Amino acid sequence: MELLHAAHVPSGDGPFPTLIALHGWGASAQDLLGLAPHLADNRLLTLCPQGTTTLQVGPGMLGYGWFPLVPGQPPDARAFLKSSAQLRGFVDQARQRYPAADDKVVPLGFSQGGLMAFDLALREPQRYAGVVALSSWLPEILAANLPQMDAQKGFPVLMLHGTQDQQIEIARARESRDLLQKFGVDLTYQEFEMGHEIRPEALRVLNQWLSDKVL
């Protein structure tokens, strides 16, 4: 497969409900793999691809992203769309290689990965059962590039964000919430007293949403 990735495959033959878990800026394919045992009683096939943009995160240590980030500037739309196309290719390959239930595939993204998850799901909602964005946002410049279609109406979307997030301020999440409502999606939005992280109380809401909307 084109993108390096980590995978958690449940016991049994499948097909399995599937998460495409997309890491944030400076992380790696291993970053979200630890979520798998804590979701849906460990019944999810969880695939964690790794972005191809590299950055130095410490002495001799590399982190990865989906497209370059420049503080104070909007995302580079061209780089974003190139990475998005690469990610769509990964999902196509993953559906062929792994025992994924075709009607129960959900992109989940943390931070920068949430942008990629939004693009995957809202560009082709008919291919997914919903989308999850954790500590993330949907920039208007990227939302403007998404097609408006009837299939987005009623599409399940979960956004969870920390009111103390110092990397992506809560105001950006609220702007994204309002922007998403223009697409007519079935939006579940919740805030927690936390920073740029995933706490147990957020996991509980995620589990309930997966049970209600996907499983």
C-alpha atoms as a PDB file:
ATOM      1  CA  MET A   1       0.000   0.000   0.000  1.00  0.00           C
ATOM      2  CA  GLU A   2       1.207   3.489  -0.824  1.00  0.00           C
ATOM      3  CA  LEU A   3       1.097   4.937   2.700  1.00  0.00           C
ATOM      4  CA  LEU A   4       2.950   3.461   5.645  1.00  0.00           C
ATOM      5  CA  HIS A   5       0.333   2.473   8.217  1.00  0.00           C
ATOM      6  CA  ALA A   6      -0.376   0.631  11.443  1.00  0.00           C
ATOM      7  CA  ALA A   7      -3.334  -1.707  11.831  1.00  0.00           C
ATOM      8  CA  HIS A   8      -5.371  -3.226  14.638  1.00  0.00           C
ATOM      9  CA  VAL A   9      -7.376  -6.223  13.405  1.00  0.00           C
ATOM     10  CA  PRO A  10      -9.917  -7.717  15.837  1.00  0.00           C
ATOM     11  CA  SER A  11     -10.196 -11.446  16.340  1.00  0.00           C
ATOM     12  CA  GLY A  12     -12.635 -13.229  14.062  1.00  0.00           C
ATOM     13  CA  ASP A  13     -13.227 -13.326  10.343  1.00  0.00           C
ATOM     14  CA  GLY A  14     -14.973 -10.014   9.722  1.00  0.00           C
ATOM     15  CA  PRO A  15     -16.018  -7.998   7.898  1.00  0.00           C
ATOM     16  CA  PHE A  16     -15.517  -5.429  10.674  1.00  0.00           C
ATOM     17  CA  PRO A  17     -16.713  -1.888  11.285  1.00  0.00           C
ATOM     18  CA  THR A  18     -13.657   0.180  10.425  1.00  0.00           C
ATOM     19  CA  LEU A  19     -11.968   3.365  11.579  1.00  0.00           C
ATOM     20  CA  ILE A  20      -9.518   5.195   9.334  1.00  0.00           C
ATOM     21  CA  ALA A  21      -7.660   6.995  12.156  1.00  0.00           C
ATOM     22  CA  LEU A  22      -5.673  10.040  11.011  1.00  0.00           C
ATOM     23  CA  HIS A  23      -2.983  11.458  13.283  1.00  0.00           C
ATOM     24  CA  GLY A  24      -2.198  15.084  13.990  1.00  0.00           C
ATOM     25  CA  TRP A  25       0.742  17.320  13.092  1.00  0.00           C
ATOM     26  CA  GLY A  26       4.067  15.917  14.285  1.00  0.00           C
ATOM     27  CA  ALA A  27       2.728  12.474  15.225  1.00  0.00           C
ATOM     28  CA  SER A  28       2.916   9.149  13.353  1.00  0.00           C
ATOM     29  CA  ALA A  29       0.985   6.052  12.306  1.00  0.00           C
ATOM     30  CA  GLN A  30       1.267   4.692  15.860  1.00  0.00           C
ATOM     31  CA  ASP A  31      -0.276   7.725  17.537  1.00  0.00           C
ATOM     32  CA  LEU A  32      -3.970   6.757  17.474  1.00  0.00           C
ATOM     33  CA  LEU A  33      -3.587   2.989  17.363  1.00  0.00           C
ATOM     34  CA  GLY A  34      -3.989   2.842  21.142  1.00  0.00           C
ATOM     35  CA  LEU A  35      -7.613   3.962  20.814  1.00  0.00           C
ATOM     36  CA  ALA A  36      -8.672   0.671  19.249  1.00  0.00           C
ATOM     37  CA  PRO A  37      -8.990  -1.471  22.427  1.00  0.00           C
ATOM     38  CA  HIS A  38     -11.106   1.238  24.068  1.00  0.00           C
ATOM     39  CA  LEU A  39     -13.701   1.595  21.323  1.00  0.00           C
ATOM     40  CA  ALA A  40     -16.728  -0.592  20.562  1.00  0.00           C
ATOM     41  CA  ASP A  41     -15.562  -3.413  22.860  1.00  0.00           C
ATOM     42  CA  ASN A  42     -12.473  -3.873  20.678  1.00  0.00           C
ATOM     43  CA  ARG A  43     -14.595  -4.809  17.658  1.00  0.00           C
ATOM     44  CA  LEU A  44     -13.261  -2.169  15.262  1.00  0.00           C
ATOM     45  CA  LEU A  45     -10.740  -2.720  12.517  1.00  0.00           C
ATOM     46  CA  THR A  46      -8.539   0.344  12.991  1.00  0.00           C
ATOM     47  CA  LEU A  47      -6.205   1.504  10.224  1.00  0.00           C
ATOM     48  CA  CYS A  48      -3.756   4.342  10.935  1.00  0.00           C
ATOM     49  CA  PRO A  49      -1.980   5.714   7.849  1.00  0.00           C
ATOM     50  CA  GLN A  50       0.970   8.059   8.185  1.00  0.00           C
ATOM     51  CA  GLY A  51       1.251  11.439   6.481  1.00  0.00           C
ATOM     52  CA  THR A  52       4.178  11.981   4.124  1.00  0.00           C
ATOM     53  CA  THR A  53       5.157  15.507   5.230  1.00  0.00           C
ATOM     54  CA  THR A  54       8.102  15.247   7.643  1.00  0.00           C
ATOM     55  CA  LEU A  55       9.246  17.610  10.387  1.00  0.00           C
ATOM     56  CA  GLN A  56      11.831  17.580  13.149  1.00  0.00           C
ATOM     57  CA  VAL A  57      10.169  17.078  16.529  1.00  0.00           C
ATOM     58  CA  GLY A  58      13.303  16.489  18.604  1.00  0.00           C
ATOM     59  CA  PRO A  59      17.002  15.588  18.360  1.00  0.00           C
ATOM     60  CA  GLY A  60      17.146  12.904  15.697  1.00  0.00           C
ATOM     61  CA  MET A  61      13.363  12.469  15.827  1.00  0.00           C
ATOM     62  CA  LEU A  62      10.947  12.920  12.960  1.00  0.00           C
ATOM     63  CA  GLY A  63       7.235  13.578  13.107  1.00  0.00           C
ATOM     64  CA  TYR A  64       4.766  13.530  10.260  1.00  0.00           C
ATOM     65  CA  GLY A  65       1.913  15.596   8.933  1.00  0.00           C
ATOM     66  CA  TRP A  66      -0.545  15.623   6.073  1.00  0.00           C
ATOM     67  CA  PHE A  67       0.482  18.960   4.598  1.00  0.00           C
ATOM     68  CA  PRO A  68       2.808  21.801   5.688  1.00  0.00           C
ATOM     69  CA  LEU A  69       1.552  24.099   8.434  1.00  0.00           C
ATOM     70  CA  VAL A  70       2.623  27.743   8.688  1.00  0.00           C
ATOM     71  CA  PRO A  71       1.496  29.498  11.908  1.00  0.00           C
ATOM     72  CA  GLY A  72      -0.954  32.290  11.236  1.00  0.00           C
ATOM     73  CA  GLN A  73      -1.613  31.264   7.642  1.00  0.00           C
ATOM     74  CA  PRO A  74      -4.477  29.213   6.155  1.00  0.00           C
ATOM     75  CA  PRO A  75      -3.698  25.699   4.901  1.00  0.00           C
ATOM     76  CA  ASP A  76      -2.055  25.417   1.494  1.00  0.00           C
ATOM     77  CA  ALA A  77      -5.061  24.245  -0.551  1.00  0.00           C
ATOM     78  CA  ARG A  78      -2.915  22.660  -3.269  1.00  0.00           C
ATOM     79  CA  ALA A  79      -0.835  20.628  -0.807  1.00  0.00           C
ATOM     80  CA  PHE A  80      -3.978  19.673   1.073  1.00  0.00           C
ATOM     81  CA  LEU A  81      -5.742  18.373  -2.040  1.00  0.00           C
ATOM     82  CA  LYS A  82      -2.653  16.404  -3.100  1.00  0.00           C
ATOM     83  CA  SER A  83      -2.518  14.699   0.299  1.00  0.00           C
ATOM     84  CA  SER A  84      -6.268  14.123   0.240  1.00  0.00           C
ATOM     85  CA  ALA A  85      -6.050  12.355  -3.114  1.00  0.00           C
ATOM     86  CA  GLN A  86      -3.239  10.186  -1.758  1.00  0.00           C
ATOM     87  CA  LEU A  87      -5.350   9.329   1.265  1.00  0.00           C
ATOM     88  CA  ARG A  88      -8.349   8.383  -0.890  1.00  0.00           C
ATOM     89  CA  GLY A  89      -6.065   5.973  -2.723  1.00  0.00           C
ATOM     90  CA  PHE A  90      -5.041   4.463   0.608  1.00  0.00           C
ATOM     91  CA  VAL A  91      -8.689   3.916   1.588  1.00  0.00           C
ATOM     92  CA  ASP A  92      -9.377   2.207  -1.747  1.00  0.00           C
ATOM     93  CA  GLN A  93      -6.416  -0.110  -1.193  1.00  0.00           C
ATOM     94  CA  ALA A  94      -7.385  -0.767   2.423  1.00  0.00           C
ATOM     95  CA  ARG A  95     -10.914  -1.812   1.466  1.00  0.00           C
ATOM     96  CA  GLN A  96      -9.407  -4.453  -0.823  1.00  0.00           C
ATOM     97  CA  ARG A  97      -6.725  -5.672   1.573  1.00  0.00           C
ATOM     98  CA  TYR A  98      -8.524  -5.691   4.926  1.00  0.00           C
ATOM     99  CA  PRO A  99     -11.878  -7.238   6.004  1.00  0.00           C
ATOM    100  CA  ALA A 100     -13.693  -3.892   6.306  1.00  0.00           C
ATOM    101  CA  ALA A 101     -17.492  -3.790   6.354  1.00  0.00           C
ATOM    102  CA  ASP A 102     -18.139  -1.661   3.296  1.00  0.00           C
ATOM    103  CA  ASP A 103     -21.085   0.224   4.830  1.00  0.00           C
ATOM    104  CA  LYS A 104     -19.409   0.882   8.203  1.00  0.00           C
ATOM    105  CA  VAL A 105     -16.194   2.760   7.422  1.00  0.00           C
ATOM    106  CA  VAL A 106     -15.601   5.953   9.427  1.00  0.00           C
ATOM    107  CA  PRO A 107     -12.716   8.415   9.026  1.00  0.00           C
ATOM    108  CA  LEU A 108     -11.576   9.740  12.410  1.00  0.00           C
ATOM    109  CA  GLY A 109      -9.052  12.534  12.660  1.00  0.00           C
ATOM    110  CA  PHE A 110      -7.249  14.236  15.523  1.00  0.00           C
ATOM    111  CA  SER A 111      -6.110  17.851  15.057  1.00  0.00           C
ATOM    112  CA  GLN A 112      -4.717  18.183  11.503  1.00  0.00           C
ATOM    113  CA  GLY A 113      -5.984  14.684  10.783  1.00  0.00           C
ATOM    114  CA  GLY A 114      -9.514  15.968  11.314  1.00  0.00           C
ATOM    115  CA  LEU A 115      -9.213  18.140   8.199  1.00  0.00           C
ATOM    116  CA  MET A 116      -8.299  15.063   6.190  1.00  0.00           C
ATOM    117  CA  ALA A 117     -11.201  13.108   7.715  1.00  0.00           C
ATOM    118  CA  PHE A 118     -13.647  15.898   6.854  1.00  0.00           C
ATOM    119  CA  ASP A 119     -12.442  15.992   3.265  1.00  0.00           C
ATOM    120  CA  LEU A 120     -12.663  12.221   2.807  1.00  0.00           C
ATOM    121  CA  ALA A 121     -16.170  11.945   4.212  1.00  0.00           C
ATOM    122  CA  LEU A 122     -17.835  15.160   3.039  1.00  0.00           C
ATOM    123  CA  ARG A 123     -16.446  14.831  -0.483  1.00  0.00           C
ATOM    124  CA  GLU A 124     -17.837  11.297  -0.866  1.00  0.00           C
ATOM    125  CA  PRO A 125     -20.379  10.789   1.939  1.00  0.00           C
ATOM    126  CA  GLN A 126     -21.951   7.837   0.166  1.00  0.00           C
ATOM    127  CA  ARG A 127     -18.775   5.837   0.861  1.00  0.00           C
ATOM    128  CA  TYR A 128     -18.758   6.351   4.639  1.00  0.00           C
ATOM    129  CA  ALA A 129     -20.965   5.775   7.665  1.00  0.00           C
ATOM    130  CA  GLY A 130     -19.955   9.035   9.352  1.00  0.00           C
ATOM    131  CA  VAL A 131     -16.937  11.137  10.315  1.00  0.00           C
ATOM    132  CA  VAL A 132     -15.259  12.093  13.607  1.00  0.00           C
ATOM    133  CA  ALA A 133     -13.113  15.180  14.269  1.00  0.00           C
ATOM    134  CA  LEU A 134     -11.292  15.377  17.613  1.00  0.00           C
ATOM    135  CA  SER A 135      -9.633  18.660  18.636  1.00  0.00           C
ATOM    136  CA  SER A 136      -9.851  19.804  15.030  1.00  0.00           C
ATOM    137  CA  TRP A 137     -11.484  22.354  12.735  1.00  0.00           C
ATOM    138  CA  LEU A 138     -12.779  22.841   9.206  1.00  0.00           C
ATOM    139  CA  PRO A 139     -11.173  25.895   7.550  1.00  0.00           C
ATOM    140  CA  GLU A 140     -13.501  27.886   5.325  1.00  0.00           C
ATOM    141  CA  ILE A 141     -10.992  27.818   2.453  1.00  0.00           C
ATOM    142  CA  LEU A 142     -11.214  24.021   2.416  1.00  0.00           C
ATOM    143  CA  ALA A 143     -14.956  23.838   3.033  1.00  0.00           C
ATOM    144  CA  ALA A 144     -15.466  26.057  -0.001  1.00  0.00           C
ATOM    145  CA  ASN A 145     -13.801  23.378  -2.123  1.00  0.00           C
ATOM    146  CA  LEU A 146     -16.235  20.670  -0.998  1.00  0.00           C
ATOM    147  CA  PRO A 147     -19.159  19.864  -3.265  1.00  0.00           C
ATOM    148  CA  GLN A 148     -22.635  20.637  -1.971  1.00  0.00           C
ATOM    149  CA  MET A 149     -24.766  17.522  -2.446  1.00  0.00           C
ATOM    150  CA  ASP A 150     -27.925  15.918  -1.138  1.00  0.00           C
ATOM    151  CA  ALA A 151     -25.908  12.979   0.232  1.00  0.00           C
ATOM    152  CA  GLN A 152     -24.395  15.248   2.880  1.00  0.00           C
ATOM    153  CA  LYS A 153     -27.810  15.997   4.367  1.00  0.00           C
ATOM    154  CA  GLY A 154     -28.273  13.938   7.495  1.00  0.00           C
ATOM    155  CA  PHE A 155     -24.712  12.567   7.286  1.00  0.00           C
ATOM    156  CA  PRO A 156     -23.479  11.704  10.816  1.00  0.00           C
ATOM    157  CA  VAL A 157     -20.687  14.008  12.067  1.00  0.00           C
ATOM    158  CA  LEU A 158     -19.115  14.053  15.534  1.00  0.00           C
ATOM    159  CA  MET A 159     -16.959  16.968  16.745  1.00  0.00           C
ATOM    160  CA  LEU A 160     -15.351  16.950  20.197  1.00  0.00           C
ATOM    161  CA  HIS A 161     -13.161  19.818  21.411  1.00  0.00           C
ATOM    162  CA  GLY A 162     -11.496  21.109  24.565  1.00  0.00           C
ATOM    163  CA  THR A 163     -12.342  24.559  25.888  1.00  0.00           C
ATOM    164  CA  GLN A 164      -8.735  24.838  27.126  1.00  0.00           C
ATOM    165  CA  ASP A 165      -7.157  23.818  23.807  1.00  0.00           C
ATOM    166  CA  GLN A 166      -4.155  26.107  23.265  1.00  0.00           C
ATOM    167  CA  GLN A 167      -3.244  24.748  19.833  1.00  0.00           C
ATOM    168  CA  ILE A 168      -6.657  24.994  18.163  1.00  0.00           C
ATOM    169  CA  GLU A 169      -8.740  27.511  20.061  1.00  0.00           C
ATOM    170  CA  ILE A 170     -12.324  26.648  20.881  1.00  0.00           C
ATOM    171  CA  ALA A 171     -13.504  29.600  18.770  1.00  0.00           C
ATOM    172  CA  ARG A 172     -12.248  27.812  15.648  1.00  0.00           C
ATOM    173  CA  ALA A 173     -14.183  24.674  16.577  1.00  0.00           C
ATOM    174  CA  ARG A 174     -17.345  26.730  17.061  1.00  0.00           C
ATOM    175  CA  GLU A 175     -16.853  28.411  13.690  1.00  0.00           C
ATOM    176  CA  SER A 176     -16.447  24.961  12.146  1.00  0.00           C
ATOM    177  CA  ARG A 177     -19.632  23.794  13.873  1.00  0.00           C
ATOM    178  CA  ASP A 178     -21.567  26.650  12.285  1.00  0.00           C
ATOM    179  CA  LEU A 179     -19.950  26.003   8.907  1.00  0.00           C
ATOM    180  CA  LEU A 180     -20.831  22.303   8.999  1.00  0.00           C
ATOM    181  CA  GLN A 181     -24.465  23.056   9.699  1.00  0.00           C
ATOM    182  CA  LYS A 182     -24.672  24.736   6.277  1.00  0.00           C
ATOM    183  CA  PHE A 183     -24.074  21.308   4.724  1.00  0.00           C
ATOM    184  CA  GLY A 184     -27.150  19.902   6.477  1.00  0.00           C
ATOM    185  CA  VAL A 185     -25.219  17.165   8.271  1.00  0.00           C
ATOM    186  CA  ASP A 186     -26.439  15.336  11.384  1.00  0.00           C
ATOM    187  CA  LEU A 187     -23.963  17.087  13.681  1.00  0.00           C
ATOM    188  CA  THR A 188     -23.155  16.041  17.238  1.00  0.00           C
ATOM    189  CA  TYR A 189     -20.934  18.706  18.804  1.00  0.00           C
ATOM    190  CA  GLN A 190     -19.639  18.657  22.376  1.00  0.00           C
ATOM    191  CA  GLU A 191     -17.077  20.607  24.381  1.00  0.00           C
ATOM    192  CA  PHE A 192     -15.040  19.400  27.370  1.00  0.00           C
ATOM    193  CA  GLU A 193     -12.833  21.107  29.930  1.00  0.00           C
ATOM    194  CA  MET A 194      -9.608  19.760  28.464  1.00  0.00           C
ATOM    195  CA  GLY A 195      -6.694  20.823  26.298  1.00  0.00           C
ATOM    196  CA  HIS A 196      -5.434  19.443  22.989  1.00  0.00           C
ATOM    197  CA  GLU A 197      -6.033  15.846  23.975  1.00  0.00           C
ATOM    198  CA  ILE A 198      -8.508  12.968  24.209  1.00  0.00           C
ATOM    199  CA  ARG A 199      -9.776  12.349  27.730  1.00  0.00           C
ATOM    200  CA  PRO A 200     -11.883   9.411  28.985  1.00  0.00           C
ATOM    201  CA  GLU A 201     -15.062  11.512  29.033  1.00  0.00           C
ATOM    202  CA  ALA A 202     -14.565  12.292  25.338  1.00  0.00           C
ATOM    203  CA  LEU A 203     -13.983   8.606  24.623  1.00  0.00           C
ATOM    204  CA  ARG A 204     -17.294   7.776  26.287  1.00  0.00           C
ATOM    205  CA  VAL A 205     -19.131  10.180  23.988  1.00  0.00           C
ATOM    206  CA  LEU A 206     -17.268   8.763  20.989  1.00  0.00           C
ATOM    207  CA  ASN A 207     -18.237   5.221  21.977  1.00  0.00           C
ATOM    208  CA  GLN A 208     -21.879   6.180  22.362  1.00  0.00           C
ATOM    209  CA  TRP A 209     -21.892   7.959  18.996  1.00  0.00           C
ATOM    210  CA  LEU A 210     -20.340   4.921  17.291  1.00  0.00           C
ATOM    211  CA  SER A 211     -22.976   2.699  18.876  1.00  0.00           C
ATOM    212  CA  ASP A 212     -25.840   4.989  17.853  1.00  0.00           C
ATOM    213  CA  LYS A 213     -24.726   6.071  14.374  1.00  0.00           C
ATOM    214  CA  VAL A 214     -22.461   3.329  13.012  1.00  0.00           C
ATOM    215  CA  LEU A 215     -22.729  -0.025  14.761  1.00  0.00           C
END
